[in-house]
Amino acid sequence: MSYNVLCSFERFRGRERDDRARCAPAAAARLTHNEAQGGWVLLAPERIFKADAIATEILKRCTGEATFAAIVDDLAKTFNAPRDLVLADVSKLLAGLVEKKLLEL
């Protein structure tokens, strides 16, 4: 599997989420800590996106190893948060990053 950032849960609009999909950063994108930017950033060619604390926790888990469902479960357990709320947040963030081509299947 290529090291690309996305989850196949919403590869194309209108498709059902695949909880078994594995998430990983796009070939040209990487999450890195950058003191000059004041924290974690998602770097891509000619673009930089500052990741807030929630986005950082989600993206740190997108390594290509864990499934979408495992990421959601881990976040819900780690932060003692309702799974459905975590699911909505993770889905929204990753779908947006897929649209920007920062994540891919």
Foldseek 3Di string as FASTA:
>chain_A
DDQAAAFVCPLDPPDHGDQQTAGGWHPQWDWDADVVVPGIWIDGVVDIGDDDPLRVLLHVRRGRPHGNNRSLVVVCVVVVHDSVVSNVVSVVVRVVCVVVRRGHD
